[in-house]
């Protein structure tokens, strides 16, 4: 659910910068659940240069994906609002599905212990 929240923030930044010259749309890469990583280990961004900022605590957990489209305006802006709104809608549906599954799982646990 945190990944969906962070992705929503990144997509909202893309929409907000739809008119900013030379702005490139960003997206989050889907999380990879690697079995070799210890359980509970934090996912962090890789700093490729010491000049890069460390980033905010909320946004440093997931990797960015710049696999955007090839469409660009004369100003250099590569944000396609239709694509971004489709991503926002898909992200919202996935978040709602995760929330529903969580709620139903919690309801089953409550029923199992007799608190319902």
PDB file of N, CA and C in Angstrom:
ATOM      1  N   UNK A   1       0.826  -1.187   0.000  1.00  0.00           N
ATOM      2  CA  UNK A   1       0.000   0.000   0.000  1.00  0.00           C
ATOM      3  C   UNK A   1       0.874   1.256   0.000  1.00  0.00           C
ATOM      4  N   UNK A   2       2.035   1.172   0.669  1.00  0.00           N
ATOM      5  CA  UNK A   2       2.933   2.325   0.667  1.00  0.00           C
ATOM      6  C   UNK A   2       3.455   2.607  -0.736  1.00  0.00           C
ATOM      7  N   UNK A   3       3.706   1.538  -1.498  1.00  0.00           N
ATOM      8  CA  UNK A   3       4.192   1.719  -2.863  1.00  0.00           C
ATOM      9  C   UNK A   3       3.141   2.459  -3.690  1.00  0.00           C
ATOM     10  N   UNK A   4       1.871   2.101  -3.527  1.00  0.00           N
ATOM     11  CA  UNK A   4       0.809   2.780  -4.271  1.00  0.00           C
ATOM     12  C   UNK A   4       0.687   4.243  -3.845  1.00  0.00           C
ATOM     13  N   UNK A   5       0.857   4.521  -2.575  1.00  0.00           N
ATOM     14  CA  UNK A   5       0.799   5.906  -2.104  1.00  0.00           C
ATOM     15  C   UNK A   5       1.948   6.718  -2.694  1.00  0.00           C
ATOM     16  N   UNK A   6       3.144   6.143  -2.695  1.00  0.00           N
ATOM     17  CA  UNK A   6       4.302   6.852  -3.244  1.00  0.00           C
ATOM     18  C   UNK A   6       4.163   7.024  -4.755  1.00  0.00           C
ATOM     19  N   UNK A   7       3.628   6.008  -5.426  1.00  0.00           N
ATOM     20  CA  UNK A   7       3.420   6.118  -6.876  1.00  0.00           C
ATOM     21  C   UNK A   7       2.407   7.208  -7.187  1.00  0.00           C
ATOM     22  N   UNK A   8       1.375   7.329  -6.373  1.00  0.00           N
ATOM     23  CA  UNK A   8       0.379   8.388  -6.568  1.00  0.00           C
ATOM     24  C   UNK A   8       1.042   9.760  -6.458  1.00  0.00           C
ATOM     25  N   UNK A   9       1.966   9.921  -5.504  1.00  0.00           N
ATOM     26  CA  UNK A   9       2.680  11.187  -5.340  1.00  0.00           C
ATOM     27  C   UNK A   9       3.515  11.504  -6.582  1.00  0.00           C
ATOM     28  N   UNK A  10       4.223  10.507  -7.106  1.00  0.00           N
ATOM     29  CA  UNK A  10       5.071  10.707  -8.284  1.00  0.00           C
ATOM     30  C   UNK A  10       4.218  11.042  -9.503  1.00  0.00           C
ATOM     31  N   UNK A  11       3.101  10.333  -9.677  1.00  0.00           N
ATOM     32  CA  UNK A  11       2.224  10.615 -10.811  1.00  0.00           C
ATOM     33  C   UNK A  11       1.591  11.993 -10.700  1.00  0.00           C
ATOM     34  N   UNK A  12       1.252  12.409  -9.482  1.00  0.00           N
ATOM     35  CA  UNK A  12       0.702  13.751  -9.285  1.00  0.00           C
ATOM     36  C   UNK A  12       1.737  14.815  -9.639  1.00  0.00           C
ATOM     37  N   UNK A  13       3.007  14.560  -9.329  1.00  0.00           N
ATOM     38  CA  UNK A  13       4.073  15.500  -9.729  1.00  0.00           C
ATOM     39  C   UNK A  13       4.160  15.588 -11.247  1.00  0.00           C
ATOM     40  N   UNK A  14       4.013  14.452 -11.927  1.00  0.00           N
ATOM     41  CA  UNK A  14       4.048  14.466 -13.394  1.00  0.00           C
ATOM     42  C   UNK A  14       2.935  15.341 -13.950  1.00  0.00           C
ATOM     43  N   UNK A  15       1.727  15.172 -13.427  1.00  0.00           N
ATOM     44  CA  UNK A  15       0.589  15.968 -13.909  1.00  0.00           C
ATOM     45  C   UNK A  15       0.802  17.438 -13.574  1.00  0.00           C
ATOM     46  N   UNK A  16       1.313  17.724 -12.385  1.00  0.00           N
ATOM     47  CA  UNK A  16       1.530  19.114 -11.987  1.00  0.00           C
ATOM     48  C   UNK A  16       2.575  19.805 -12.859  1.00  0.00           C
ATOM     49  N   UNK A  17       3.520  19.041 -13.383  1.00  0.00           N
ATOM     50  CA  UNK A  17       4.577  19.611 -14.214  1.00  0.00           C
ATOM     51  C   UNK A  17       4.332  19.393 -15.703  1.00  0.00           C
ATOM     52  N   UNK A  18       3.086  19.226 -16.096  1.00  0.00           N
ATOM     53  CA  UNK A  18       2.754  18.959 -17.494  1.00  0.00           C
ATOM     54  C   UNK A  18       3.130  20.110 -18.418  1.00  0.00           C
ATOM     55  N   UNK A  19       3.257  21.316 -17.881  1.00  0.00           N
ATOM     56  CA  UNK A  19       3.622  22.474 -18.704  1.00  0.00           C
ATOM     57  C   UNK A  19       5.045  22.965 -18.447  1.00  0.00           C
ATOM     58  N   UNK A  20       5.797  22.259 -17.637  1.00  0.00           N
ATOM     59  CA  UNK A  20       7.166  22.670 -17.317  1.00  0.00           C
ATOM     60  C   UNK A  20       8.101  22.262 -18.455  1.00  0.00           C
ATOM     61  N   UNK A  21       8.861  23.210 -19.023  1.00  0.00           N
ATOM     62  CA  UNK A  21       9.775  22.864 -20.117  1.00  0.00           C
ATOM     63  C   UNK A  21      10.820  21.836 -19.679  1.00  0.00           C
ATOM     64  N   UNK A  22      11.112  20.892 -20.560  1.00  0.00           N
ATOM     65  CA  UNK A  22      12.127  19.842 -20.390  1.00  0.00           C
ATOM     66  C   UNK A  22      11.863  18.919 -19.195  1.00  0.00           C
ATOM     67  N   UNK A  23      10.632  18.850 -18.712  1.00  0.00           N
ATOM     68  CA  UNK A  23      10.313  17.934 -17.618  1.00  0.00           C
ATOM     69  C   UNK A  23      10.067  16.547 -18.189  1.00  0.00           C
ATOM     70  N   UNK A  24      10.694  15.557 -17.608  1.00  0.00           N
ATOM     71  CA  UNK A  24      10.522  14.167 -18.017  1.00  0.00           C
ATOM     72  C   UNK A  24       9.630  13.456 -17.010  1.00  0.00           C
ATOM     73  N   UNK A  25       8.614  12.774 -17.490  1.00  0.00           N
ATOM     74  CA  UNK A  25       7.713  12.043 -16.603  1.00  0.00           C
ATOM     75  C   UNK A  25       8.471  10.917 -15.906  1.00  0.00           C
ATOM     76  N   UNK A  26       8.099  10.678 -14.653  1.00  0.00           N
ATOM     77  CA  UNK A  26       8.711   9.612 -13.865  1.00  0.00           C
ATOM     78  C   UNK A  26       7.632   8.645 -13.408  1.00  0.00           C
ATOM     79  N   UNK A  27       8.054   7.464 -13.026  1.00  0.00           N
ATOM     80  CA  UNK A  27       7.145   6.472 -12.476  1.00  0.00           C
ATOM     81  C   UNK A  27       7.983   5.579 -11.561  1.00  0.00           C
ATOM     82  N   UNK A  28       7.314   4.853 -10.695  1.00  0.00           N
ATOM     83  CA  UNK A  28       8.018   3.932  -9.819  1.00  0.00           C
ATOM     84  C   UNK A  28       8.082   2.554 -10.457  1.00  0.00           C
ATOM     85  N   UNK A  29       9.213   1.912 -10.310  1.00  0.00           N
ATOM     86  CA  UNK A  29       9.343   0.538 -10.777  1.00  0.00           C
ATOM     87  C   UNK A  29       8.578  -0.366  -9.815  1.00  0.00           C
ATOM     88  N   UNK A  30       7.899  -1.374 -10.336  1.00  0.00           N
ATOM     89  CA  UNK A  30       7.181  -2.280  -9.431  1.00  0.00           C
ATOM     90  C   UNK A  30       8.157  -2.942  -8.463  1.00  0.00           C
ATOM     91  N   UNK A  31       7.735  -3.165  -7.234  1.00  0.00           N
ATOM     92  CA  UNK A  31       8.648  -3.768  -6.259  1.00  0.00           C
ATOM     93  C   UNK A  31       9.009  -5.194  -6.645  1.00  0.00           C
ATOM     94  N   UNK A  32      10.273  -5.539  -6.442  1.00  0.00           N
ATOM     95  CA  UNK A  32      10.756  -6.886  -6.688  1.00  0.00           C
ATOM     96  C   UNK A  32      10.897  -7.582  -5.345  1.00  0.00           C
ATOM     97  N   UNK A  33      10.221  -8.680  -5.186  1.00  0.00           N
ATOM     98  CA  UNK A  33      10.273  -9.416  -3.932  1.00  0.00           C
ATOM     99  C   UNK A  33      11.333 -10.501  -4.056  1.00  0.00           C
ATOM    100  N   UNK A  34      12.553 -10.108  -3.751  1.00  0.00           N
ATOM    101  CA  UNK A  34      13.708 -10.988  -3.870  1.00  0.00           C
ATOM    102  C   UNK A  34      13.837 -11.839  -2.613  1.00  0.00           C
ATOM    103  N   UNK A  35      13.870 -13.137  -2.784  1.00  0.00           N
ATOM    104  CA  UNK A  35      13.950 -14.038  -1.630  1.00  0.00           C
ATOM    105  C   UNK A  35      15.321 -14.012  -0.965  1.00  0.00           C
ATOM    106  N   UNK A  36      16.350 -13.515  -1.638  1.00  0.00           N
ATOM    107  CA  UNK A  36      17.683 -13.476  -1.035  1.00  0.00           C
ATOM    108  C   UNK A  36      17.843 -12.315  -0.054  1.00  0.00           C
ATOM    109  N   UNK A  37      16.943 -11.317  -0.127  1.00  0.00           N
ATOM    110  CA  UNK A  37      17.007 -10.182   0.784  1.00  0.00           C
ATOM    111  C   UNK A  37      16.371 -10.567   2.112  1.00  0.00           C
ATOM    112  N   UNK A  38      16.956 -10.193   3.232  1.00  0.00           N
ATOM    113  CA  UNK A  38      16.361 -10.530   4.527  1.00  0.00           C
ATOM    114  C   UNK A  38      14.987  -9.879   4.701  1.00  0.00           C
ATOM    115  N   UNK A  39      14.114 -10.570   5.394  1.00  0.00           N
ATOM    116  CA  UNK A  39      12.773 -10.052   5.653  1.00  0.00           C
ATOM    117  C   UNK A  39      12.885  -8.799   6.510  1.00  0.00           C
ATOM    118  N   UNK A  40      12.167  -7.753   6.117  1.00  0.00           N
ATOM    119  CA  UNK A  40      12.172  -6.508   6.874  1.00  0.00           C
ATOM    120  C   UNK A  40      13.269  -5.540   6.466  1.00  0.00           C
ATOM    121  N   UNK A  41      14.158  -5.946   5.548  1.00  0.00           N
ATOM    122  CA  UNK A  41      15.212  -5.037   5.096  1.00  0.00           C
ATOM    123  C   UNK A  41      14.586  -3.917   4.275  1.00  0.00           C
ATOM    124  N   UNK A  42      15.020  -2.702   4.489  1.00  0.00           N
ATOM    125  CA  UNK A  42      14.446  -1.543   3.822  1.00  0.00           C
ATOM    126  C   UNK A  42      14.887  -1.474   2.366  1.00  0.00           C
ATOM    127  N   UNK A  43      13.981  -1.047   1.498  1.00  0.00           N
ATOM    128  CA  UNK A  43      14.312  -0.775   0.115  1.00  0.00           C
ATOM    129  C   UNK A  43      14.762   0.670   0.032  1.00  0.00           C
ATOM    130  N   UNK A  44      15.914   0.899  -0.541  1.00  0.00           N
ATOM    131  CA  UNK A  44      16.422   2.264  -0.630  1.00  0.00           C
ATOM    132  C   UNK A  44      16.827   2.575  -2.067  1.00  0.00           C
ATOM    133  N   UNK A  45      16.856   3.857  -2.383  1.00  0.00           N
ATOM    134  CA  UNK A  45      17.315   4.305  -3.683  1.00  0.00           C
ATOM    135  C   UNK A  45      18.830   4.286  -3.713  1.00  0.00           C
ATOM    136  N   UNK A  46      19.383   4.011  -4.878  1.00  0.00           N
ATOM    137  CA  UNK A  46      20.825   4.021  -5.045  1.00  0.00           C
ATOM    138  C   UNK A  46      21.260   5.405  -5.482  1.00  0.00           C
ATOM    139  N   UNK A  47      22.219   5.984  -4.764  1.00  0.00           N
ATOM    140  CA  UNK A  47      22.763   7.286  -5.153  1.00  0.00           C
ATOM    141  C   UNK A  47      23.903   7.031  -6.114  1.00  0.00           C
ATOM    142  N   UNK A  48      23.760   7.463  -7.357  1.00  0.00           N
ATOM    143  CA  UNK A  48      24.771   7.214  -8.375  1.00  0.00           C
ATOM    144  C   UNK A  48      25.850   8.282  -8.406  1.00  0.00           C
ATOM    145  N   UNK A  49      25.661   9.348  -7.647  1.00  0.00           N
ATOM    146  CA  UNK A  49      26.649  10.418  -7.581  1.00  0.00           C
ATOM    147  C   UNK A  49      26.610  11.019  -6.180  1.00  0.00           C
ATOM    148  N   UNK A  50      27.762  11.369  -5.620  1.00  0.00           N
ATOM    149  CA  UNK A  50      27.740  11.996  -4.297  1.00  0.00           C
ATOM    150  C   UNK A  50      27.063  13.365  -4.305  1.00  0.00           C
ATOM    151  N   UNK A  51      26.882  13.960  -5.488  1.00  0.00           N
ATOM    152  CA  UNK A  51      26.224  15.264  -5.580  1.00  0.00           C
ATOM    153  C   UNK A  51      24.700  15.146  -5.489  1.00  0.00           C
ATOM    154  N   UNK A  52      24.172  13.947  -5.627  1.00  0.00           N
ATOM    155  CA  UNK A  52      22.721  13.764  -5.545  1.00  0.00           C
ATOM    156  C   UNK A  52      22.245  13.908  -4.113  1.00  0.00           C
ATOM    157  N   UNK A  53      21.067  14.466  -3.956  1.00  0.00           N
ATOM    158  CA  UNK A  53      20.466  14.597  -2.630  1.00  0.00           C
ATOM    159  C   UNK A  53      19.963  13.242  -2.165  1.00  0.00           C
ATOM    160  N   UNK A  54      19.943  13.051  -0.855  1.00  0.00           N
ATOM    161  CA  UNK A  54      19.495  11.784  -0.295  1.00  0.00           C
ATOM    162  C   UNK A  54      17.998  11.605  -0.470  1.00  0.00           C
ATOM    163  N   UNK A  55      17.236  12.677  -0.534  1.00  0.00           N
ATOM    164  CA  UNK A  55      15.797  12.587  -0.726  1.00  0.00           C
ATOM    165  C   UNK A  55      15.060  12.561   0.588  1.00  0.00           C
ATOM    166  N   UNK A  56      13.752  12.737   0.503  1.00  0.00           N
ATOM    167  CA  UNK A  56      12.910  12.726   1.697  1.00  0.00           C
ATOM    168  C   UNK A  56      12.759  11.303   2.207  1.00  0.00           C
ATOM    169  N   UNK A  57      12.428  11.173   3.468  1.00  0.00           N
ATOM    170  CA  UNK A  57      12.284   9.854   4.068  1.00  0.00           C
ATOM    171  C   UNK A  57      11.173   9.060   3.406  1.00  0.00           C
ATOM    172  N   UNK A  58      10.075   9.712   3.020  1.00  0.00           N
ATOM    173  CA  UNK A  58       8.958   9.006   2.411  1.00  0.00           C
ATOM    174  C   UNK A  58       9.236   8.550   0.993  1.00  0.00           C
ATOM    175  N   UNK A  59      10.098   9.231   0.278  1.00  0.00           N
ATOM    176  CA  UNK A  59      10.320   8.896  -1.115  1.00  0.00           C
ATOM    177  C   UNK A  59      11.562   8.090  -1.380  1.00  0.00           C
ATOM    178  N   UNK A  60      12.315   7.712  -0.354  1.00  0.00           N
ATOM    179  CA  UNK A  60      13.575   7.018  -0.565  1.00  0.00           C
ATOM    180  C   UNK A  60      13.434   5.505  -0.472  1.00  0.00           C
ATOM    181  N   UNK A  61      12.229   4.989  -0.518  1.00  0.00           N
ATOM    182  CA  UNK A  61      12.042   3.563  -0.349  1.00  0.00           C
ATOM    183  C   UNK A  61      11.930   2.802  -1.658  1.00  0.00           C
ATOM    184  N   UNK A  62      11.578   3.457  -2.747  1.00  0.00           N
ATOM    185  CA  UNK A  62      11.263   2.759  -3.986  1.00  0.00           C
ATOM    186  C   UNK A  62      12.103   3.294  -5.125  1.00  0.00           C
ATOM    187  N   UNK A  63      12.368   2.420  -6.115  1.00  0.00           N
ATOM    188  CA  UNK A  63      13.161   2.828  -7.262  1.00  0.00           C
ATOM    189  C   UNK A  63      12.290   3.519  -8.300  1.00  0.00           C
ATOM    190  N   UNK A  64      12.858   4.544  -8.920  1.00  0.00           N
ATOM    191  CA  UNK A  64      12.159   5.247  -9.989  1.00  0.00           C
ATOM    192  C   UNK A  64      12.378   4.532 -11.307  1.00  0.00           C
ATOM    193  N   UNK A  65      11.380   4.566 -12.141  1.00  0.00           N
ATOM    194  CA  UNK A  65      11.470   4.004 -13.479  1.00  0.00           C
ATOM    195  C   UNK A  65      11.238   5.138 -14.462  1.00  0.00           C
ATOM    196  N   UNK A  66      12.156   5.334 -15.370  1.00  0.00           N
ATOM    197  CA  UNK A  66      12.003   6.395 -16.375  1.00  0.00           C
ATOM    198  C   UNK A  66      11.681   5.800 -17.740  1.00  0.00           C
ATOM    199  N   UNK A  67      10.978   4.701 -17.755  1.00  0.00           N
ATOM    200  CA  UNK A  67      10.583   4.070 -19.005  1.00  0.00           C
ATOM    201  C   UNK A  67       9.329   4.747 -19.542  1.00  0.00           C
ATOM    202  N   UNK A  68       9.456   5.998 -19.876  1.00  0.00           N
ATOM    203  CA  UNK A  68       8.321   6.754 -20.378  1.00  0.00           C
ATOM    204  C   UNK A  68       8.174   6.564 -21.880  1.00  0.00           C
ATOM    205  N   UNK A  69       7.230   7.271 -22.432  1.00  0.00           N
ATOM    206  CA  UNK A  69       7.023   7.201 -23.866  1.00  0.00           C
ATOM    207  C   UNK A  69       8.062   8.025 -24.603  1.00  0.00           C
ATOM    208  N   UNK A  70       7.928   8.036 -25.908  1.00  0.00           N
ATOM    209  CA  UNK A  70       8.879   8.769 -26.734  1.00  0.00           C
ATOM    210  C   UNK A  70       8.299  10.079 -27.222  1.00  0.00           C
ATOM    211  N   UNK A  71       7.091  10.390 -26.784  1.00  0.00           N
ATOM    212  CA  UNK A  71       6.409  11.595 -27.215  1.00  0.00           C
ATOM    213  C   UNK A  71       6.932  12.789 -26.417  1.00  0.00           C
ATOM    214  N   UNK A  72       7.194  13.879 -27.116  1.00  0.00           N
ATOM    215  CA  UNK A  72       7.716  15.073 -26.463  1.00  0.00           C
ATOM    216  C   UNK A  72       7.234  16.297 -27.219  1.00  0.00           C
ATOM    217  N   UNK A  73       6.977  17.366 -26.467  1.00  0.00           N
ATOM    218  CA  UNK A  73       6.548  18.624 -27.080  1.00  0.00           C
ATOM    219  C   UNK A  73       7.775  19.424 -27.518  1.00  0.00           C
ATOM    220  N   UNK A  74       7.574  20.473 -28.300  1.00  0.00           N
ATOM    221  CA  UNK A  74       8.717  21.309 -28.696  1.00  0.00           C
ATOM    222  C   UNK A  74       9.471  21.914 -27.504  1.00  0.00           C
ATOM    223  N   UNK A  75       8.790  22.107 -26.372  1.00  0.00           N
ATOM    224  CA  UNK A  75       9.466  22.653 -25.192  1.00  0.00           C
ATOM    225  C   UNK A  75      10.319  21.603 -24.490  1.00  0.00           C
ATOM    226  N   UNK A  76      10.236  20.343 -24.934  1.00  0.00           N
ATOM    227  CA  UNK A  76      11.015  19.276 -24.315  1.00  0.00           C
ATOM    228  C   UNK A  76      10.252  18.525 -23.235  1.00  0.00           C
ATOM    229  N   UNK A  77       9.035  18.949 -22.952  1.00  0.00           N
ATOM    230  CA  UNK A  77       8.227  18.287 -21.924  1.00  0.00           C
ATOM    231  C   UNK A  77       7.712  16.968 -22.473  1.00  0.00           C
ATOM    232  N   UNK A  78       7.897  15.888 -21.702  1.00  0.00           N
ATOM    233  CA  UNK A  78       7.505  14.561 -22.170  1.00  0.00           C
ATOM    234  C   UNK A  78       6.332  13.990 -21.387  1.00  0.00           C
ATOM    235  N   UNK A  79       5.548  14.833 -20.716  1.00  0.00           N
ATOM    236  CA  UNK A  79       4.395  14.359 -19.953  1.00  0.00           C
ATOM    237  C   UNK A  79       3.185  14.289 -20.886  1.00  0.00           C
ATOM    238  N   UNK A  80       2.595  13.094 -20.987  1.00  0.00           N
ATOM    239  CA  UNK A  80       1.374  12.898 -21.764  1.00  0.00           C
ATOM    240  C   UNK A  80       0.250  12.724 -20.747  1.00  0.00           C
ATOM    241  N   UNK A  81      -0.615  13.721 -20.657  1.00  0.00           N
ATOM    242  CA  UNK A  81      -1.651  13.712 -19.621  1.00  0.00           C
ATOM    243  C   UNK A  81      -2.560  12.491 -19.699  1.00  0.00           C
ATOM    244  N   UNK A  82      -2.881  12.036 -20.904  1.00  0.00           N
ATOM    245  CA  UNK A  82      -3.748  10.859 -21.039  1.00  0.00           C
ATOM    246  C   UNK A  82      -3.094   9.635 -20.404  1.00  0.00           C
ATOM    247  N   UNK A  83      -1.799   9.444 -20.670  1.00  0.00           N
ATOM    248  CA  UNK A  83      -1.078   8.306 -20.086  1.00  0.00           C
ATOM    249  C   UNK A  83      -1.005   8.421 -18.575  1.00  0.00           C
ATOM    250  N   UNK A  84      -0.728   9.628 -18.094  1.00  0.00           N
ATOM    251  CA  UNK A  84      -0.611   9.824 -16.651  1.00  0.00           C
ATOM    252  C   UNK A  84      -1.938   9.572 -15.950  1.00  0.00           C
ATOM    253  N   UNK A  85      -3.039  10.014 -16.552  1.00  0.00           N
ATOM    254  CA  UNK A  85      -4.333   9.796 -15.928  1.00  0.00           C
ATOM    255  C   UNK A  85      -4.723   8.315 -15.946  1.00  0.00           C
ATOM    256  N   UNK A  86      -4.314   7.583 -16.982  1.00  0.00           N
ATOM    257  CA  UNK A  86      -4.544   6.135 -17.005  1.00  0.00           C
ATOM    258  C   UNK A  86      -3.746   5.449 -15.893  1.00  0.00           C
ATOM    259  N   UNK A  87      -2.513   5.890 -15.691  1.00  0.00           N
ATOM    260  CA  UNK A  87      -1.692   5.321 -14.614  1.00  0.00           C
ATOM    261  C   UNK A  87      -2.300   5.632 -13.251  1.00  0.00           C
ATOM    262  N   UNK A  88      -2.802   6.855 -13.083  1.00  0.00           N
ATOM    263  CA  UNK A  88      -3.434   7.241 -11.815  1.00  0.00           C
ATOM    264  C   UNK A  88      -4.660   6.367 -11.555  1.00  0.00           C
ATOM    265  N   UNK A  89      -5.484   6.149 -12.576  1.00  0.00           N
ATOM    266  CA  UNK A  89      -6.683   5.331 -12.410  1.00  0.00           C
ATOM    267  C   UNK A  89      -6.317   3.884 -12.076  1.00  0.00           C
ATOM    268  N   UNK A  90      -5.322   3.326 -12.773  1.00  0.00           N
ATOM    269  CA  UNK A  90      -4.886   1.962 -12.475  1.00  0.00           C
ATOM    270  C   UNK A  90      -4.315   1.855 -11.071  1.00  0.00           C
ATOM    271  N   UNK A  91      -3.548   2.850 -10.680  1.00  0.00           N
ATOM    272  CA  UNK A  91      -2.970   2.854  -9.337  1.00  0.00           C
ATOM    273  C   UNK A  91      -4.070   2.913  -8.276  1.00  0.00           C
ATOM    274  N   UNK A  92      -5.090   3.721  -8.518  1.00  0.00           N
ATOM    275  CA  UNK A  92      -6.204   3.838  -7.575  1.00  0.00           C
ATOM    276  C   UNK A  92      -6.958   2.513  -7.459  1.00  0.00           C
ATOM    277  N   UNK A  93      -7.198   1.843  -8.585  1.00  0.00           N
ATOM    278  CA  UNK A  93      -7.895   0.553  -8.550  1.00  0.00           C
ATOM    279  C   UNK A  93      -7.070  -0.495  -7.794  1.00  0.00           C
ATOM    280  N   UNK A  94      -5.762  -0.517  -8.030  1.00  0.00           N
ATOM    281  CA  UNK A  94      -4.896  -1.472  -7.324  1.00  0.00           C
ATOM    282  C   UNK A  94      -4.868  -1.192  -5.834  1.00  0.00           C
ATOM    283  N   UNK A  95      -4.835   0.084  -5.463  1.00  0.00           N
ATOM    284  CA  UNK A  95      -4.837   0.457  -4.043  1.00  0.00           C
ATOM    285  C   UNK A  95      -6.155   0.033  -3.388  1.00  0.00           C
ATOM    286  N   UNK A  96      -7.265   0.275  -4.070  1.00  0.00           N
ATOM    287  CA  UNK A  96      -8.559  -0.120  -3.526  1.00  0.00           C
ATOM    288  C   UNK A  96      -8.666  -1.638  -3.397  1.00  0.00           C
ATOM    289  N   UNK A  97      -8.099  -2.378  -4.341  1.00  0.00           N
ATOM    290  CA  UNK A  97      -8.111  -3.840  -4.256  1.00  0.00           C
ATOM    291  C   UNK A  97      -7.291  -4.306  -3.056  1.00  0.00           C
ATOM    292  N   UNK A  98      -6.122  -3.704  -2.845  1.00  0.00           N
ATOM    293  CA  UNK A  98      -5.289  -4.071  -1.695  1.00  0.00           C
ATOM    294  C   UNK A  98      -5.999  -3.737  -0.381  1.00  0.00           C
ATOM    295  N   UNK A  99      -6.656  -2.592  -0.341  1.00  0.00           N
ATOM    296  CA  UNK A  99      -7.396  -2.195   0.862  1.00  0.00           C
ATOM    297  C   UNK A  99      -8.544  -3.160   1.139  1.00  0.00           C
ATOM    298  N   UNK A 100      -9.244  -3.555   0.090  1.00  0.00           N
ATOM    299  CA  UNK A 100     -10.349  -4.491   0.247  1.00  0.00           C
ATOM    300  C   UNK A 100      -9.860  -5.850   0.738  1.00  0.00           C
ATOM    301  N   UNK A 101      -8.757  -6.333   0.169  1.00  0.00           N
ATOM    302  CA  UNK A 101      -8.193  -7.615   0.623  1.00  0.00           C
ATOM    303  C   UNK A 101      -7.754  -7.541   2.069  1.00  0.00           C
ATOM    304  N   UNK A 102      -7.138  -6.446   2.444  1.00  0.00           N
ATOM    305  CA  UNK A 102      -6.702  -6.263   3.829  1.00  0.00           C
ATOM    306  C   UNK A 102      -7.907  -6.259   4.763  1.00  0.00           C
ATOM    307  N   UNK A 103      -8.957  -5.535   4.408  1.00  0.00           N
ATOM    308  CA  UNK A 103     -10.156  -5.452   5.245  1.00  0.00           C
ATOM    309  C   UNK A 103     -10.831  -6.812   5.384  1.00  0.00           C
ATOM    310  N   UNK A 104     -10.915  -7.543   4.287  1.00  0.00           N
ATOM    311  CA  UNK A 104     -11.541  -8.868   4.351  1.00  0.00           C
ATOM    312  C   UNK A 104     -10.708  -9.835   5.183  1.00  0.00           C
ATOM    313  N   UNK A 105      -9.387  -9.757   5.047  1.00  0.00           N
ATOM    314  CA  UNK A 105      -8.517 -10.608   5.865  1.00  0.00           C
ATOM    315  C   UNK A 105      -8.658 -10.289   7.341  1.00  0.00           C
ATOM    316  N   UNK A 106      -8.755  -9.023   7.649  1.00  0.00           N
ATOM    317  CA  UNK A 106      -8.952  -8.604   9.032  1.00  0.00           C
ATOM    318  C   UNK A 106     -10.312  -9.075   9.547  1.00  0.00           C
ATOM    319  N   UNK A 107     -11.335  -9.014   8.699  1.00  0.00           N
ATOM    320  CA  UNK A 107     -12.661  -9.505   9.073  1.00  0.00           C
ATOM    321  C   UNK A 107     -12.649 -11.005   9.350  1.00  0.00           C
ATOM    322  N   UNK A 108     -11.904 -11.766   8.544  1.00  0.00           N
ATOM    323  CA  UNK A 108     -11.804 -13.205   8.784  1.00  0.00           C
ATOM    324  C   UNK A 108     -11.127 -13.498  10.113  1.00  0.00           C
ATOM    325  N   UNK A 109     -10.080 -12.733  10.421  1.00  0.00           N
ATOM    326  CA  UNK A 109      -9.392 -12.936  11.703  1.00  0.00           C
ATOM    327  C   UNK A 109     -10.310 -12.610  12.877  1.00  0.00           C
ATOM    328  N   UNK A 110     -11.091 -11.537  12.748  1.00  0.00           N
ATOM    329  CA  UNK A 110     -12.043 -11.183  13.807  1.00  0.00           C
ATOM    330  C   UNK A 110     -13.094 -12.258  13.984  1.00  0.00           C
ATOM    331  N   UNK A 111     -13.562 -12.819  12.866  1.00  0.00           N
ATOM    332  CA  UNK A 111     -14.548 -13.899  12.946  1.00  0.00           C
ATOM    333  C   UNK A 111     -13.930 -15.125  13.608  1.00  0.00           C
ATOM    334  N   UNK A 112     -12.683 -15.421  13.288  1.00  0.00           N
ATOM    335  CA  UNK A 112     -12.008 -16.598  13.839  1.00  0.00           C
ATOM    336  C   UNK A 112     -11.835 -16.490  15.362  1.00  0.00           C
ATOM    337  N   UNK A 113     -11.607 -15.274  15.870  1.00  0.00           N
ATOM    338  CA  UNK A 113     -11.430 -15.143  17.317  1.00  0.00           C
ATOM    339  C   UNK A 113     -12.728 -14.780  18.020  1.00  0.00           C
ATOM    340  N   UNK A 114     -13.830 -14.667  17.266  1.00  0.00           N
ATOM    341  CA  UNK A 114     -15.137 -14.447  17.849  1.00  0.00           C
ATOM    342  C   UNK A 114     -15.463 -13.034  18.242  1.00  0.00           C
ATOM    343  N   UNK A 115     -14.874 -12.047  17.598  1.00  0.00           N
ATOM    344  CA  UNK A 115     -15.144 -10.641  17.925  1.00  0.00           C
ATOM    345  C   UNK A 115     -16.072  -9.987  16.934  1.00  0.00           C
ATOM    346  N   UNK A 116     -16.786 -10.717  16.181  1.00  0.00           N
ATOM    347  CA  UNK A 116     -17.634 -10.109  15.189  1.00  0.00           C
ATOM    348  C   UNK A 116     -19.047 -10.139  15.528  1.00  0.00           C
TER     349      UNK A 116
END
